Amino acid sequence: VNQSVWFQYGIDKGIYDEYLSDYNVKI
């Protein structure tokens, strides 16, 4: 509603996968 989609965008672009690839995580 505030046009704040930082997390969704970073995840969909694979950025979090890149930085958290060594960890067994789900966002």
mmCIF file of all heavy atoms, coordinates in Angstrom:
data_MODEL
# 
_entry.id   MODEL 
# 
loop_
_atom_site.group_PDB 
_atom_site.id 
_atom_site.type_symbol 
_atom_site.label_atom_id 
_atom_site.label_alt_id 
_atom_site.label_comp_id 
_atom_site.label_asym_id 
_atom_site.label_entity_id 
_atom_site.label_seq_id 
_atom_site.pdbx_PDB_ins_code 
_atom_site.Cartn_x 
_atom_site.Cartn_y 
_atom_site.Cartn_z 
_atom_site.occupancy 
_atom_site.B_iso_or_equiv 
_atom_site.pdbx_formal_charge 
_atom_site.auth_seq_id 
_atom_site.auth_comp_id 
_atom_site.auth_asym_id 
_atom_site.auth_atom_id 
_atom_site.pdbx_PDB_model_num 
ATOM 1   N N   . VAL A 1 1  ? 0.830  -1.200  0.000   1.00 0.00 ? 1  VAL A N   1 
ATOM 2   C CA  . VAL A 1 1  ? 0.000  0.000   0.000   1.00 0.00 ? 1  VAL A CA  1 
ATOM 3   C C   . VAL A 1 1  ? 0.868  1.254   0.000   1.00 0.00 ? 1  VAL A C   1 
ATOM 4   O O   . VAL A 1 1  ? 0.451  2.320   -0.455  1.00 0.00 ? 1  VAL A O   1 
ATOM 5   C CB  . VAL A 1 1  ? -0.973 0.017   1.208   1.00 0.00 ? 1  VAL A CB  1 
ATOM 6   C CG1 . VAL A 1 1  ? -0.220 0.225   2.518   1.00 0.00 ? 1  VAL A CG1 1 
ATOM 7   C CG2 . VAL A 1 1  ? -2.040 1.093   1.038   1.00 0.00 ? 1  VAL A CG2 1 
ATOM 8   N N   . ASN A 1 2  ? 2.115  1.138   0.491   1.00 0.00 ? 2  ASN A N   1 
ATOM 9   C CA  . ASN A 1 2  ? 3.059  2.256   0.489   1.00 0.00 ? 2  ASN A CA  1 
ATOM 10  C C   . ASN A 1 2  ? 4.124  2.108   -0.591  1.00 0.00 ? 2  ASN A C   1 
ATOM 11  O O   . ASN A 1 2  ? 5.180  2.753   -0.521  1.00 0.00 ? 2  ASN A O   1 
ATOM 12  C CB  . ASN A 1 2  ? 3.722  2.366   1.868   1.00 0.00 ? 2  ASN A CB  1 
ATOM 13  C CG  . ASN A 1 2  ? 2.741  2.788   2.944   1.00 0.00 ? 2  ASN A CG  1 
ATOM 14  O OD1 . ASN A 1 2  ? 2.033  3.766   2.782   1.00 0.00 ? 2  ASN A OD1 1 
ATOM 15  N ND2 . ASN A 1 2  ? 2.684  2.035   4.023   1.00 0.00 ? 2  ASN A ND2 1 
ATOM 16  N N   . GLN A 1 3  ? 3.864  1.247   -1.567  1.00 0.00 ? 3  GLN A N   1 
ATOM 17  C CA  . GLN A 1 3  ? 4.794  0.977   -2.669  1.00 0.00 ? 3  GLN A CA  1 
ATOM 18  C C   . GLN A 1 3  ? 6.168  0.510   -2.158  1.00 0.00 ? 3  GLN A C   1 
ATOM 19  O O   . GLN A 1 3  ? 7.197  0.762   -2.785  1.00 0.00 ? 3  GLN A O   1 
ATOM 20  C CB  . GLN A 1 3  ? 4.969  2.213   -3.563  1.00 0.00 ? 3  GLN A CB  1 
ATOM 21  C CG  . GLN A 1 3  ? 3.737  2.608   -4.345  1.00 0.00 ? 3  GLN A CG  1 
ATOM 22  C CD  . GLN A 1 3  ? 2.783  3.439   -3.519  1.00 0.00 ? 3  GLN A CD  1 
ATOM 23  O OE1 . GLN A 1 3  ? 3.197  4.274   -2.735  1.00 0.00 ? 3  GLN A OE1 1 
ATOM 24  N NE2 . GLN A 1 3  ? 1.495  3.221   -3.692  1.00 0.00 ? 3  GLN A NE2 1 
ATOM 25  N N   . SER A 1 4  ? 6.172  -0.162  -1.026  1.00 0.00 ? 4  SER A N   1 
ATOM 26  C CA  . SER A 1 4  ? 7.417  -0.673  -0.448  1.00 0.00 ? 4  SER A CA  1 
ATOM 27  C C   . SER A 1 4  ? 7.455  -2.186  -0.628  1.00 0.00 ? 4  SER A C   1 
ATOM 28  O O   . SER A 1 4  ? 6.803  -2.932  0.106   1.00 0.00 ? 4  SER A O   1 
ATOM 29  C CB  . SER A 1 4  ? 7.499  -0.316  1.047   1.00 0.00 ? 4  SER A CB  1 
ATOM 30  O OG  . SER A 1 4  ? 8.641  -0.901  1.638   1.00 0.00 ? 4  SER A OG  1 
ATOM 31  N N   . VAL A 1 5  ? 8.221  -2.627  -1.627  1.00 0.00 ? 5  VAL A N   1 
ATOM 32  C CA  . VAL A 1 5  ? 8.296  -4.062  -1.936  1.00 0.00 ? 5  VAL A CA  1 
ATOM 33  C C   . VAL A 1 5  ? 9.757  -4.503  -2.017  1.00 0.00 ? 5  VAL A C   1 
ATOM 34  O O   . VAL A 1 5  ? 10.131 -5.334  -2.840  1.00 0.00 ? 5  VAL A O   1 
ATOM 35  C CB  . VAL A 1 5  ? 7.544  -4.392  -3.242  1.00 0.00 ? 5  VAL A CB  1 
ATOM 36  C CG1 . VAL A 1 5  ? 6.051  -4.179  -3.079  1.00 0.00 ? 5  VAL A CG1 1 
ATOM 37  C CG2 . VAL A 1 5  ? 8.069  -3.553  -4.407  1.00 0.00 ? 5  VAL A CG2 1 
ATOM 38  N N   . TRP A 1 6  ? 10.584 -3.932  -1.163  1.00 0.00 ? 6  TRP A N   1 
ATOM 39  C CA  . TRP A 1 6  ? 12.021 -4.198  -1.179  1.00 0.00 ? 6  TRP A CA  1 
ATOM 40  C C   . TRP A 1 6  ? 12.332 -5.683  -1.047  1.00 0.00 ? 6  TRP A C   1 
ATOM 41  O O   . TRP A 1 6  ? 13.179 -6.216  -1.763  1.00 0.00 ? 6  TRP A O   1 
ATOM 42  C CB  . TRP A 1 6  ? 12.700 -3.439  -0.036  1.00 0.00 ? 6  TRP A CB  1 
ATOM 43  C CG  . TRP A 1 6  ? 12.578 -1.960  -0.098  1.00 0.00 ? 6  TRP A CG  1 
ATOM 44  C CD1 . TRP A 1 6  ? 11.751 -1.173  0.649   1.00 0.00 ? 6  TRP A CD1 1 
ATOM 45  C CD2 . TRP A 1 6  ? 13.298 -1.055  -0.942  1.00 0.00 ? 6  TRP A CD2 1 
ATOM 46  N NE1 . TRP A 1 6  ? 11.920 0.154   0.325   1.00 0.00 ? 6  TRP A NE1 1 
ATOM 47  C CE2 . TRP A 1 6  ? 12.863 0.245   -0.649  1.00 0.00 ? 6  TRP A CE2 1 
ATOM 48  C CE3 . TRP A 1 6  ? 14.281 -1.234  -1.919  1.00 0.00 ? 6  TRP A CE3 1 
ATOM 49  C CZ2 . TRP A 1 6  ? 13.368 1.374   -1.279  1.00 0.00 ? 6  TRP A CZ2 1 
ATOM 50  C CZ3 . TRP A 1 6  ? 14.789 -0.115  -2.553  1.00 0.00 ? 6  TRP A CZ3 1 
ATOM 51  C CH2 . TRP A 1 6  ? 14.328 1.173   -2.235  1.00 0.00 ? 6  TRP A CH2 1 
ATOM 52  N N   . PHE A 1 7  ? 11.673 -6.349  -0.113  1.00 0.00 ? 7  PHE A N   1 
ATOM 53  C CA  . PHE A 1 7  ? 11.987 -7.758  0.129   1.00 0.00 ? 7  PHE A CA  1 
ATOM 54  C C   . PHE A 1 7  ? 11.524 -8.634  -1.033  1.00 0.00 ? 7  PHE A C   1 
ATOM 55  O O   . PHE A 1 7  ? 12.267 -9.492  -1.514  1.00 0.00 ? 7  PHE A O   1 
ATOM 56  C CB  . PHE A 1 7  ? 11.350 -8.222  1.439   1.00 0.00 ? 7  PHE A CB  1 
ATOM 57  C CG  . PHE A 1 7  ? 11.916 -7.533  2.657   1.00 0.00 ? 7  PHE A CG  1 
ATOM 58  C CD1 . PHE A 1 7  ? 11.100 -6.764  3.478   1.00 0.00 ? 7  PHE A CD1 1 
ATOM 59  C CD2 . PHE A 1 7  ? 13.258 -7.642  2.976   1.00 0.00 ? 7  PHE A CD2 1 
ATOM 60  C CE1 . PHE A 1 7  ? 11.616 -6.124  4.587   1.00 0.00 ? 7  PHE A CE1 1 
ATOM 61  C CE2 . PHE A 1 7  ? 13.788 -7.006  4.086   1.00 0.00 ? 7  PHE A CE2 1 
ATOM 62  C CZ  . PHE A 1 7  ? 12.960 -6.240  4.906   1.00 0.00 ? 7  PHE A CZ  1 
ATOM 63  N N   . GLN A 1 8  ? 10.288 -8.423  -1.481  1.00 0.00 ? 8  GLN A N   1 
ATOM 64  C CA  . GLN A 1 8  ? 9.762  -9.234  -2.583  1.00 0.00 ? 8  GLN A CA  1 
ATOM 65  C C   . GLN A 1 8  ? 10.646 -9.089  -3.822  1.00 0.00 ? 8  GLN A C   1 
ATOM 66  O O   . GLN A 1 8  ? 10.955 -10.074 -4.496  1.00 0.00 ? 8  GLN A O   1 
ATOM 67  C CB  . GLN A 1 8  ? 8.332  -8.792  -2.923  1.00 0.00 ? 8  GLN A CB  1 
ATOM 68  C CG  . GLN A 1 8  ? 7.316  -9.073  -1.824  1.00 0.00 ? 8  GLN A CG  1 
ATOM 69  C CD  . GLN A 1 8  ? 5.932  -8.607  -2.214  1.00 0.00 ? 8  GLN A CD  1 
ATOM 70  O OE1 . GLN A 1 8  ? 5.403  -9.005  -3.244  1.00 0.00 ? 8  GLN A OE1 1 
ATOM 71  N NE2 . GLN A 1 8  ? 5.324  -7.756  -1.397  1.00 0.00 ? 8  GLN A NE2 1 
ATOM 72  N N   . TYR A 1 9  ? 11.033 -7.852  -4.108  1.00 0.00 ? 9  TYR A N   1 
ATOM 73  C CA  . TYR A 1 9  ? 11.833 -7.608  -5.302  1.00 0.00 ? 9  TYR A CA  1 
ATOM 74  C C   . TYR A 1 9  ? 13.197 -8.296  -5.208  1.00 0.00 ? 9  TYR A C   1 
ATOM 75  O O   . TYR A 1 9  ? 13.645 -8.965  -6.148  1.00 0.00 ? 9  TYR A O   1 
ATOM 76  C CB  . TYR A 1 9  ? 12.016 -6.100  -5.500  1.00 0.00 ? 9  TYR A CB  1 
ATOM 77  C CG  . TYR A 1 9  ? 12.705 -5.734  -6.798  1.00 0.00 ? 9  TYR A CG  1 
ATOM 78  C CD1 . TYR A 1 9  ? 12.043 -5.842  -8.017  1.00 0.00 ? 9  TYR A CD1 1 
ATOM 79  C CD2 . TYR A 1 9  ? 14.018 -5.263  -6.801  1.00 0.00 ? 9  TYR A CD2 1 
ATOM 80  C CE1 . TYR A 1 9  ? 12.666 -5.496  -9.209  1.00 0.00 ? 9  TYR A CE1 1 
ATOM 81  C CE2 . TYR A 1 9  ? 14.653 -4.916  -7.989  1.00 0.00 ? 9  TYR A CE2 1 
ATOM 82  C CZ  . TYR A 1 9  ? 13.972 -5.037  -9.189  1.00 0.00 ? 9  TYR A CZ  1 
ATOM 83  O OH  . TYR A 1 9  ? 14.600 -4.699  -10.362 1.00 0.00 ? 9  TYR A OH  1 
ATOM 84  N N   . GLY A 1 10 ? 13.874 -8.130  -4.076  1.00 0.00 ? 10 GLY A N   1 
ATOM 85  C CA  . GLY A 1 10 ? 15.189 -8.737  -3.899  1.00 0.00 ? 10 GLY A CA  1 
ATOM 86  C C   . GLY A 1 10 ? 15.156 -10.251 -3.970  1.00 0.00 ? 10 GLY A C   1 
ATOM 87  O O   . GLY A 1 10 ? 16.059 -10.883 -4.537  1.00 0.00 ? 10 GLY A O   1 
ATOM 88  N N   . ILE A 1 11 ? 14.101 -10.831 -3.421  1.00 0.00 ? 11 ILE A N   1 
ATOM 89  C CA  . ILE A 1 11 ? 13.955 -12.286 -3.465  1.00 0.00 ? 11 ILE A CA  1 
ATOM 90  C C   . ILE A 1 11 ? 13.696 -12.746 -4.892  1.00 0.00 ? 11 ILE A C   1 
ATOM 91  O O   . ILE A 1 11 ? 14.326 -13.689 -5.386  1.00 0.00 ? 11 ILE A O   1 
ATOM 92  C CB  . ILE A 1 11 ? 12.814 -12.746 -2.535  1.00 0.00 ? 11 ILE A CB  1 
ATOM 93  C CG1 . ILE A 1 11 ? 13.197 -12.487 -1.070  1.00 0.00 ? 11 ILE A CG1 1 
ATOM 94  C CG2 . ILE A 1 11 ? 12.506 -14.223 -2.745  1.00 0.00 ? 11 ILE A CG2 1 
ATOM 95  C CD1 . ILE A 1 11 ? 12.047 -12.633 -0.104  1.00 0.00 ? 11 ILE A CD1 1 
ATOM 96  N N   . ASP A 1 12 ? 12.783 -12.081 -5.563  1.00 0.00 ? 12 ASP A N   1 
ATOM 97  C CA  . ASP A 1 12 ? 12.445 -12.481 -6.930  1.00 0.00 ? 12 ASP A CA  1 
ATOM 98  C C   . ASP A 1 12 ? 13.608 -12.298 -7.901  1.00 0.00 ? 12 ASP A C   1 
ATOM 99  O O   . ASP A 1 12 ? 13.693 -13.008 -8.916  1.00 0.00 ? 12 ASP A O   1 
ATOM 100 C CB  . ASP A 1 12 ? 11.223 -11.688 -7.422  1.00 0.00 ? 12 ASP A CB  1 
ATOM 101 C CG  . ASP A 1 12 ? 9.927  -12.166 -6.789  1.00 0.00 ? 12 ASP A CG  1 
ATOM 102 O OD1 . ASP A 1 12 ? 9.943  -13.250 -6.158  1.00 0.00 ? 12 ASP A OD1 1 
ATOM 103 O OD2 . ASP A 1 12 ? 8.907  -11.457 -6.894  1.00 0.00 ? 12 ASP A OD2 1 
ATOM 104 N N   . LYS A 1 13 ? 14.510 -11.379 -7.593  1.00 0.00 ? 13 LYS A N   1 
ATOM 105 C CA  . LYS A 1 13 ? 15.685 -11.170 -8.446  1.00 0.00 ? 13 LYS A CA  1 
ATOM 106 C C   . LYS A 1 13 ? 16.847 -12.086 -8.062  1.00 0.00 ? 13 LYS A C   1 
ATOM 107 O O   . LYS A 1 13 ? 17.916 -12.029 -8.670  1.00 0.00 ? 13 LYS A O   1 
ATOM 108 C CB  . LYS A 1 13 ? 16.137 -9.703  -8.377  1.00 0.00 ? 13 LYS A CB  1 
ATOM 109 C CG  . LYS A 1 13 ? 15.149 -8.741  -9.025  1.00 0.00 ? 13 LYS A CG  1 
ATOM 110 C CD  . LYS A 1 13 ? 14.940 -9.079  -10.496 1.00 0.00 ? 13 LYS A CD  1 
ATOM 111 C CE  . LYS A 1 13 ? 13.877 -8.199  -11.125 1.00 0.00 ? 13 LYS A CE  1 
ATOM 112 N NZ  . LYS A 1 13 ? 13.639 -8.564  -12.551 1.00 0.00 ? 13 LYS A NZ  1 
ATOM 113 N N   . GLY A 1 14 ? 16.641 -12.913 -7.057  1.00 0.00 ? 14 GLY A N   1 
ATOM 114 C CA  . GLY A 1 14 ? 17.659 -13.882 -6.665  1.00 0.00 ? 14 GLY A CA  1 
ATOM 115 C C   . GLY A 1 14 ? 18.779 -13.313 -5.816  1.00 0.00 ? 14 GLY A C   1 
ATOM 116 O O   . GLY A 1 14 ? 19.787 -13.995 -5.577  1.00 0.00 ? 14 GLY A O   1 
ATOM 117 N N   . ILE A 1 15 ? 18.617 -12.100 -5.329  1.00 0.00 ? 15 ILE A N   1 
ATOM 118 C CA  . ILE A 1 15 ? 19.684 -11.461 -4.559  1.00 0.00 ? 15 ILE A CA  1 
ATOM 119 C C   . ILE A 1 15 ? 19.849 -12.133 -3.193  1.00 0.00 ? 15 ILE A C   1 
ATOM 120 O O   . ILE A 1 15 ? 20.978 -12.372 -2.742  1.00 0.00 ? 15 ILE A O   1 
ATOM 121 C CB  . ILE A 1 15 ? 19.413 -9.952  -4.407  1.00 0.00 ? 15 ILE A CB  1 
ATOM 122 C CG1 . ILE A 1 15 ? 19.431 -9.287  -5.795  1.00 0.00 ? 15 ILE A CG1 1 
ATOM 123 C CG2 . ILE A 1 15 ? 20.449 -9.302  -3.485  1.00 0.00 ? 15 ILE A CG2 1 
ATOM 124 C CD1 . ILE A 1 15 ? 19.003 -7.839  -5.804  1.00 0.00 ? 15 ILE A CD1 1 
ATOM 125 N N   . TYR A 1 16 ? 18.741 -12.448 -2.546  1.00 0.00 ? 16 TYR A N   1 
ATOM 126 C CA  . TYR A 1 16 ? 18.834 -13.110 -1.240  1.00 0.00 ? 16 TYR A CA  1 
ATOM 127 C C   . TYR A 1 16 ? 19.373 -14.527 -1.385  1.00 0.00 ? 16 TYR A C   1 
ATOM 128 O O   . TYR A 1 16 ? 20.109 -15.013 -0.513  1.00 0.00 ? 16 TYR A O   1 
ATOM 129 C CB  . TYR A 1 16 ? 17.476 -13.098 -0.539  1.00 0.00 ? 16 TYR A CB  1 
ATOM 130 C CG  . TYR A 1 16 ? 17.138 -11.741 0.023   1.00 0.00 ? 16 TYR A CG  1 
ATOM 131 C CD1 . TYR A 1 16 ? 16.487 -10.789 -0.762  1.00 0.00 ? 16 TYR A CD1 1 
ATOM 132 C CD2 . TYR A 1 16 ? 17.500 -11.389 1.311   1.00 0.00 ? 16 TYR A CD2 1 
ATOM 133 C CE1 . TYR A 1 16 ? 16.198 -9.531  -0.272  1.00 0.00 ? 16 TYR A CE1 1 
ATOM 134 C CE2 . TYR A 1 16 ? 17.213 -10.135 1.821   1.00 0.00 ? 16 TYR A CE2 1 
ATOM 135 C CZ  . TYR A 1 16 ? 16.565 -9.210  1.030   1.00 0.00 ? 16 TYR A CZ  1 
ATOM 136 O OH  . TYR A 1 16 ? 16.296 -7.950  1.516   1.00 0.00 ? 16 TYR A OH  1 
ATOM 137 N N   . ASP A 1 17 ? 19.027 -15.193 -2.474  1.00 0.00 ? 17 ASP A N   1 
ATOM 138 C CA  . ASP A 1 17 ? 19.600 -16.519 -2.742  1.00 0.00 ? 17 ASP A CA  1 
ATOM 139 C C   . ASP A 1 17 ? 21.121 -16.438 -2.815  1.00 0.00 ? 17 ASP A C   1 
ATOM 140 O O   . ASP A 1 17 ? 21.832 -17.305 -2.307  1.00 0.00 ? 17 ASP A O   1 
ATOM 141 C CB  . ASP A 1 17 ? 19.060 -17.078 -4.067  1.00 0.00 ? 17 ASP A CB  1 
ATOM 142 C CG  . ASP A 1 17 ? 17.701 -17.734 -3.912  1.00 0.00 ? 17 ASP A CG  1 
ATOM 143 O OD1 . ASP A 1 17 ? 17.429 -18.255 -2.818  1.00 0.00 ? 17 ASP A OD1 1 
ATOM 144 O OD2 . ASP A 1 17 ? 16.927 -17.714 -4.872  1.00 0.00 ? 17 ASP A OD2 1 
ATOM 145 N N   . GLU A 1 18 ? 21.600 -15.394 -3.470  1.00 0.00 ? 18 GLU A N   1 
ATOM 146 C CA  . GLU A 1 18 ? 23.042 -15.232 -3.645  1.00 0.00 ? 18 GLU A CA  1 
ATOM 147 C C   . GLU A 1 18 ? 23.762 -15.048 -2.317  1.00 0.00 ? 18 GLU A C   1 
ATOM 148 O O   . GLU A 1 18 ? 24.795 -15.683 -2.055  1.00 0.00 ? 18 GLU A O   1 
ATOM 149 C CB  . GLU A 1 18 ? 23.309 -14.027 -4.552  1.00 0.00 ? 18 GLU A CB  1 
ATOM 150 C CG  . GLU A 1 18 ? 24.779 -13.716 -4.754  1.00 0.00 ? 18 GLU A CG  1 
ATOM 151 C CD  . GLU A 1 18 ? 24.999 -12.467 -5.589  1.00 0.00 ? 18 GLU A CD  1 
ATOM 152 O OE1 . GLU A 1 18 ? 24.015 -11.960 -6.182  1.00 0.00 ? 18 GLU A OE1 1 
ATOM 153 O OE2 . GLU A 1 18 ? 26.147 -11.985 -5.632  1.00 0.00 ? 18 GLU A OE2 1 
ATOM 154 N N   . TYR A 1 19 ? 23.207 -14.202 -1.457  1.00 0.00 ? 19 TYR A N   1 
ATOM 155 C CA  . TYR A 1 19 ? 23.873 -13.883 -0.199  1.00 0.00 ? 19 TYR A CA  1 
ATOM 156 C C   . TYR A 1 19 ? 23.626 -14.920 0.900   1.00 0.00 ? 19 TYR A C   1 
ATOM 157 O O   . TYR A 1 19 ? 24.441 -15.034 1.833   1.00 0.00 ? 19 TYR A O   1 
ATOM 158 C CB  . TYR A 1 19 ? 23.442 -12.498 0.295   1.00 0.00 ? 19 TYR A CB  1 
ATOM 159 C CG  . TYR A 1 19 ? 24.148 -11.381 -0.421  1.00 0.00 ? 19 TYR A CG  1 
ATOM 160 C CD1 . TYR A 1 19 ? 23.667 -10.901 -1.640  1.00 0.00 ? 19 TYR A CD1 1 
ATOM 161 C CD2 . TYR A 1 19 ? 25.312 -10.820 0.090   1.00 0.00 ? 19 TYR A CD2 1 
ATOM 162 C CE1 . TYR A 1 19 ? 24.320 -9.881  -2.317  1.00 0.00 ? 19 TYR A CE1 1 
ATOM 163 C CE2 . TYR A 1 19 ? 25.974 -9.802  -0.575  1.00 0.00 ? 19 TYR A CE2 1 
ATOM 164 C CZ  . TYR A 1 19 ? 25.476 -9.334  -1.787  1.00 0.00 ? 19 TYR A CZ  1 
ATOM 165 O OH  . TYR A 1 19 ? 26.138 -8.326  -2.459  1.00 0.00 ? 19 TYR A OH  1 
ATOM 166 N N   . LEU A 1 20 ? 22.527 -15.646 0.814   1.00 0.00 ? 20 LEU A N   1 
ATOM 167 C CA  . LEU A 1 20 ? 22.176 -16.602 1.868   1.00 0.00 ? 20 LEU A CA  1 
ATOM 168 C C   . LEU A 1 20 ? 22.290 -18.049 1.404   1.00 0.00 ? 20 LEU A C   1 
ATOM 169 O O   . LEU A 1 20 ? 21.743 -18.954 2.030   1.00 0.00 ? 20 LEU A O   1 
ATOM 170 C CB  . LEU A 1 20 ? 20.755 -16.324 2.360   1.00 0.00 ? 20 LEU A CB  1 
ATOM 171 C CG  . LEU A 1 20 ? 20.550 -14.966 3.036   1.00 0.00 ? 20 LEU A CG  1 
ATOM 172 C CD1 . LEU A 1 20 ? 19.064 -14.706 3.279   1.00 0.00 ? 20 LEU A CD1 1 
ATOM 173 C CD2 . LEU A 1 20 ? 21.315 -14.878 4.349   1.00 0.00 ? 20 LEU A CD2 1 
ATOM 174 N N   . SER A 1 21 ? 23.004 -18.287 0.328   1.00 0.00 ? 21 SER A N   1 
ATOM 175 C CA  . SER A 1 21 ? 23.098 -19.627 -0.253  1.00 0.00 ? 21 SER A CA  1 
ATOM 176 C C   . SER A 1 21 ? 23.756 -20.641 0.688   1.00 0.00 ? 21 SER A C   1 
ATOM 177 O O   . SER A 1 21 ? 23.524 -21.846 0.567   1.00 0.00 ? 21 SER A O   1 
ATOM 178 C CB  . SER A 1 21 ? 23.874 -19.576 -1.581  1.00 0.00 ? 21 SER A CB  1 
ATOM 179 O OG  . SER A 1 21 ? 25.194 -19.070 -1.371  1.00 0.00 ? 21 SER A OG  1 
ATOM 180 N N   . ASP A 1 22 ? 24.574 -20.179 1.621   1.00 0.00 ? 22 ASP A N   1 
ATOM 181 C CA  . ASP A 1 22 ? 25.257 -21.093 2.545   1.00 0.00 ? 22 ASP A CA  1 
ATOM 182 C C   . ASP A 1 22 ? 24.389 -21.472 3.741   1.00 0.00 ? 22 ASP A C   1 
ATOM 183 O O   . ASP A 1 22 ? 24.808 -22.278 4.582   1.00 0.00 ? 22 ASP A O   1 
ATOM 184 C CB  . ASP A 1 22 ? 26.554 -20.456 3.068   1.00 0.00 ? 22 ASP A CB  1 
ATOM 185 C CG  . ASP A 1 22 ? 27.602 -20.318 1.982   1.00 0.00 ? 22 ASP A CG  1 
ATOM 186 O OD1 . ASP A 1 22 ? 27.515 -21.059 0.983   1.00 0.00 ? 22 ASP A OD1 1 
ATOM 187 O OD2 . ASP A 1 22 ? 28.506 -19.474 2.139   1.00 0.00 ? 22 ASP A OD2 1 
ATOM 188 N N   . TYR A 1 23 ? 23.182 -20.915 3.802   1.00 0.00 ? 23 TYR A N   1 
ATOM 189 C CA  . TYR A 1 23 ? 22.347 -21.109 4.988   1.00 0.00 ? 23 TYR A CA  1 
ATOM 190 C C   . TYR A 1 23 ? 21.022 -21.769 4.604   1.00 0.00 ? 23 TYR A C   1 
ATOM 191 O O   . TYR A 1 23 ? 20.475 -21.513 3.527   1.00 0.00 ? 23 TYR A O   1 
ATOM 192 C CB  . TYR A 1 23 ? 22.092 -19.773 5.679   1.00 0.00 ? 23 TYR A CB  1 
ATOM 193 C CG  . TYR A 1 23 ? 23.370 -19.030 5.967   1.00 0.00 ? 23 TYR A CG  1 
ATOM 194 C CD1 . TYR A 1 23 ? 23.835 -18.062 5.070   1.00 0.00 ? 23 TYR A CD1 1 
ATOM 195 C CD2 . TYR A 1 23 ? 24.139 -19.319 7.091   1.00 0.00 ? 23 TYR A CD2 1 
ATOM 196 C CE1 . TYR A 1 23 ? 25.034 -17.390 5.303   1.00 0.00 ? 23 TYR A CE1 1 
ATOM 197 C CE2 . TYR A 1 23 ? 25.330 -18.657 7.328   1.00 0.00 ? 23 TYR A CE2 1 
ATOM 198 C CZ  . TYR A 1 23 ? 25.775 -17.693 6.434   1.00 0.00 ? 23 TYR A CZ  1 
ATOM 199 O OH  . TYR A 1 23 ? 26.964 -17.043 6.658   1.00 0.00 ? 23 TYR A OH  1 
ATOM 200 N N   . ASN A 1 24 ? 20.516 -22.564 5.488   1.00 0.00 ? 24 ASN A N   1 
ATOM 201 C CA  . ASN A 1 24 ? 19.274 -23.291 5.241   1.00 0.00 ? 24 ASN A CA  1 
ATOM 202 C C   . ASN A 1 24 ? 18.092 -22.442 5.708   1.00 0.00 ? 24 ASN A C   1 
ATOM 203 O O   . ASN A 1 24 ? 17.575 -22.618 6.818   1.00 0.00 ? 24 ASN A O   1 
ATOM 204 C CB  . ASN A 1 24 ? 19.310 -24.626 5.988   1.00 0.00 ? 24 ASN A CB  1 
ATOM 205 C CG  . ASN A 1 24 ? 18.172 -25.550 5.578   1.00 0.00 ? 24 ASN A CG  1 
ATOM 206 O OD1 . ASN A 1 24 ? 17.497 -25.307 4.579   1.00 0.00 ? 24 ASN A OD1 1 
ATOM 207 N ND2 . ASN A 1 24 ? 17.956 -26.596 6.354   1.00 0.00 ? 24 ASN A ND2 1 
ATOM 208 N N   . VAL A 1 25 ? 17.690 -21.483 4.861   1.00 0.00 ? 25 VAL A N   1 
ATOM 209 C CA  . VAL A 1 25 ? 16.664 -20.533 5.261   1.00 0.00 ? 25 VAL A CA  1 
ATOM 210 C C   . VAL A 1 25 ? 15.508 -20.479 4.261   1.00 0.00 ? 25 VAL A C   1 
ATOM 211 O O   . VAL A 1 25 ? 15.654 -20.828 3.092   1.00 0.00 ? 25 VAL A O   1 
ATOM 212 C CB  . VAL A 1 25 ? 17.246 -19.111 5.418   1.00 0.00 ? 25 VAL A CB  1 
ATOM 213 C CG1 . VAL A 1 25 ? 18.344 -19.093 6.473   1.00 0.00 ? 25 VAL A CG1 1 
ATOM 214 C CG2 . VAL A 1 25 ? 17.766 -18.572 4.097   1.00 0.00 ? 25 VAL A CG2 1 
ATOM 215 N N   . LYS A 1 26 ? 14.382 -20.032 4.769   1.00 0.00 ? 26 LYS A N   1 
ATOM 216 C CA  . LYS A 1 26 ? 13.194 -19.750 3.953   1.00 0.00 ? 26 LYS A CA  1 
ATOM 217 C C   . LYS A 1 26 ? 12.688 -18.387 4.392   1.00 0.00 ? 26 LYS A C   1 
ATOM 218 O O   . LYS A 1 26 ? 12.593 -18.113 5.595   1.00 0.00 ? 26 LYS A O   1 
ATOM 219 C CB  . LYS A 1 26 ? 12.120 -20.805 4.187   1.00 0.00 ? 26 LYS A CB  1 
ATOM 220 C CG  . LYS A 1 26 ? 10.800 -20.510 3.478   1.00 0.00 ? 26 LYS A CG  1 
ATOM 221 C CD  . LYS A 1 26 ? 9.746  -21.586 3.784   1.00 0.00 ? 26 LYS A CD  1 
ATOM 222 C CE  . LYS A 1 26 ? 9.284  -21.536 5.207   1.00 0.00 ? 26 LYS A CE  1 
ATOM 223 N NZ  . LYS A 1 26 ? 8.181  -22.498 5.481   1.00 0.00 ? 26 LYS A NZ  1 
ATOM 224 N N   . ILE A 1 27 ? 12.342 -17.529 3.433   1.00 0.00 ? 27 ILE A N   1 
ATOM 225 C CA  . ILE A 1 27 ? 11.859 -16.186 3.766   1.00 0.00 ? 27 ILE A CA  1 
ATOM 226 C C   . ILE A 1 27 ? 10.363 -16.089 3.515   1.00 0.00 ? 27 ILE A C   1 
ATOM 227 O O   . ILE A 1 27 ? 9.886  -16.355 2.407   1.00 0.00 ? 27 ILE A O   1 
ATOM 228 C CB  . ILE A 1 27 ? 12.598 -15.106 2.949   1.00 0.00 ? 27 ILE A CB  1 
ATOM 229 C CG1 . ILE A 1 27 ? 14.103 -15.148 3.249   1.00 0.00 ? 27 ILE A CG1 1 
ATOM 230 C CG2 . ILE A 1 27 ? 12.042 -13.721 3.283   1.00 0.00 ? 27 ILE A CG2 1 
ATOM 231 C CD1 . ILE A 1 27 ? 14.906 -14.121 2.480   1.00 0.00 ? 27 ILE A CD1 1 
# 
